[in-house]
Amino acid sequence: MPNIKQQKKRMRLAVKQRLRNRQVKSSIHTLFRKLETSLAGDDPAATALVATELTSSIDKAVSKGVLHANNAAHKKSRAARMVAGHTA
């Protein structure tokens, strides 16, 4: 346990940040699963909606510092390949 006041505060903040990061990452995983199910359901409107929602949430995660920009690009590319591979 830290003795210094600033380090105690950093520990409190780290807990909040860890919870926020985990929630955001979990929601991104959930959106990937929704995208897979919408692709299986053959509903192009739902697939487009989920894909745009997924892309938007990934971009928001980058802006908040939850994801690294390269990791976000990888996830967005993966989603685009899933959609393109299903339509081809």
Protein backbone atom coordinates (compact mmCIF):
# COMPACT_ATOMS: atom_id res chain seq x y z
CA MET A 1 0.00 0.00 0.00
CA PRO A 2 1.30 3.45 -0.83
CA ASN A 3 2.06 5.98 1.87
CA ILE A 4 2.07 8.98 -0.42
CA LYS A 5 -1.21 10.84 -0.90
CA GLN A 6 -0.85 11.17 -4.68
CA GLN A 7 -0.18 7.45 -5.07
CA LYS A 8 -3.30 6.63 -3.06
CA LYS A 9 -5.27 8.83 -5.44
CA ARG A 10 -3.66 7.15 -8.48
CA MET A 11 -4.77 3.77 -7.13
CA ARG A 12 -8.36 5.00 -6.75
CA LEU A 13 -8.34 6.40 -10.26
CA ALA A 14 -6.80 3.22 -11.66
CA VAL A 15 -9.74 1.22 -10.33
CA LYS A 16 -12.24 3.51 -12.09
CA GLN A 17 -10.24 3.45 -15.31
CA ARG A 18 -9.89 -0.33 -15.23
CA LEU A 19 -13.64 -0.76 -14.81
CA ARG A 20 -14.38 1.67 -17.65
CA ASN A 21 -11.86 0.01 -19.94
CA ARG A 22 -13.26 -3.43 -19.21
CA GLN A 23 -16.83 -2.26 -19.88
CA VAL A 24 -15.91 -0.66 -23.20
CA LYS A 25 -13.92 -3.68 -24.36
CA SER A 26 -16.72 -6.01 -23.31
CA SER A 27 -19.27 -3.99 -25.30
CA ILE A 28 -17.01 -4.20 -28.37
CA HIS A 29 -16.83 -7.99 -27.98
CA THR A 30 -20.62 -8.09 -27.68
CA LEU A 31 -21.02 -6.05 -30.86
CA PHE A 32 -18.73 -8.49 -32.69
CA ARG A 33 -20.99 -11.34 -31.56
CA LYS A 34 -24.06 -9.37 -32.70
CA LEU A 35 -22.40 -8.84 -36.08
CA GLU A 36 -21.78 -12.58 -36.42
CA THR A 37 -25.40 -13.40 -35.60
CA SER A 38 -26.73 -10.74 -37.97
CA LEU A 39 -24.52 -12.15 -40.73
CA ALA A 40 -25.91 -15.60 -40.02
CA GLY A 41 -29.44 -14.21 -40.14
CA ASP A 42 -28.98 -12.80 -43.66
CA ASP A 43 -30.49 -9.40 -42.81
CA PRO A 44 -28.44 -6.77 -44.67
CA ALA A 45 -30.04 -3.81 -42.86
CA ALA A 46 -29.28 -5.26 -39.44
CA THR A 47 -25.76 -6.16 -40.52
CA ALA A 48 -25.08 -2.61 -41.72
CA LEU A 49 -26.52 -1.15 -38.52
CA VAL A 50 -24.39 -3.39 -36.29
CA ALA A 51 -21.28 -2.76 -38.39
CA THR A 52 -21.66 1.02 -38.15
CA GLU A 53 -22.38 0.80 -34.42
CA LEU A 54 -19.31 -1.37 -33.96
CA THR A 55 -17.10 1.01 -35.93
CA SER A 56 -18.42 3.96 -33.97
CA SER A 57 -17.81 2.33 -30.61
CA ILE A 58 -14.27 1.34 -31.63
CA ASP A 59 -13.55 4.95 -32.64
CA LYS A 60 -14.93 6.21 -29.33
CA ALA A 61 -12.73 3.75 -27.45
CA VAL A 62 -9.68 5.12 -29.24
CA SER A 63 -10.61 8.70 -28.45
CA LYS A 64 -10.97 7.85 -24.77
CA GLY A 65 -7.66 5.99 -24.70
CA VAL A 66 -9.14 2.55 -24.09
CA LEU A 67 -7.75 1.07 -27.31
CA HIS A 68 -4.59 1.82 -29.25
CA ALA A 69 -5.16 3.20 -32.73
CA ASN A 70 -3.52 0.23 -34.44
CA ASN A 71 -5.59 -2.22 -32.40
CA ALA A 72 -8.73 -0.32 -33.41
CA ALA A 73 -7.71 -0.42 -37.07
CA HIS A 74 -7.24 -4.18 -36.78
CA LYS A 75 -10.71 -4.61 -35.24
CA LYS A 76 -12.38 -2.39 -37.86
CA SER A 77 -10.61 -4.26 -40.64
CA ARG A 78 -11.75 -7.56 -39.17
CA ALA A 79 -15.36 -6.34 -39.09
CA ALA A 80 -15.12 -5.11 -42.68
CA ARG A 81 -13.72 -8.47 -43.81
CA MET A 82 -16.55 -10.28 -42.05
CA VAL A 83 -19.15 -8.17 -43.83
CA ALA A 84 -17.40 -8.29 -47.22
CA GLY A 85 -16.77 -12.02 -46.97
CA HIS A 86 -20.41 -12.69 -46.26
CA THR A 87 -21.69 -10.63 -49.19
CA ALA A 88 -19.22 -12.15 -51.66
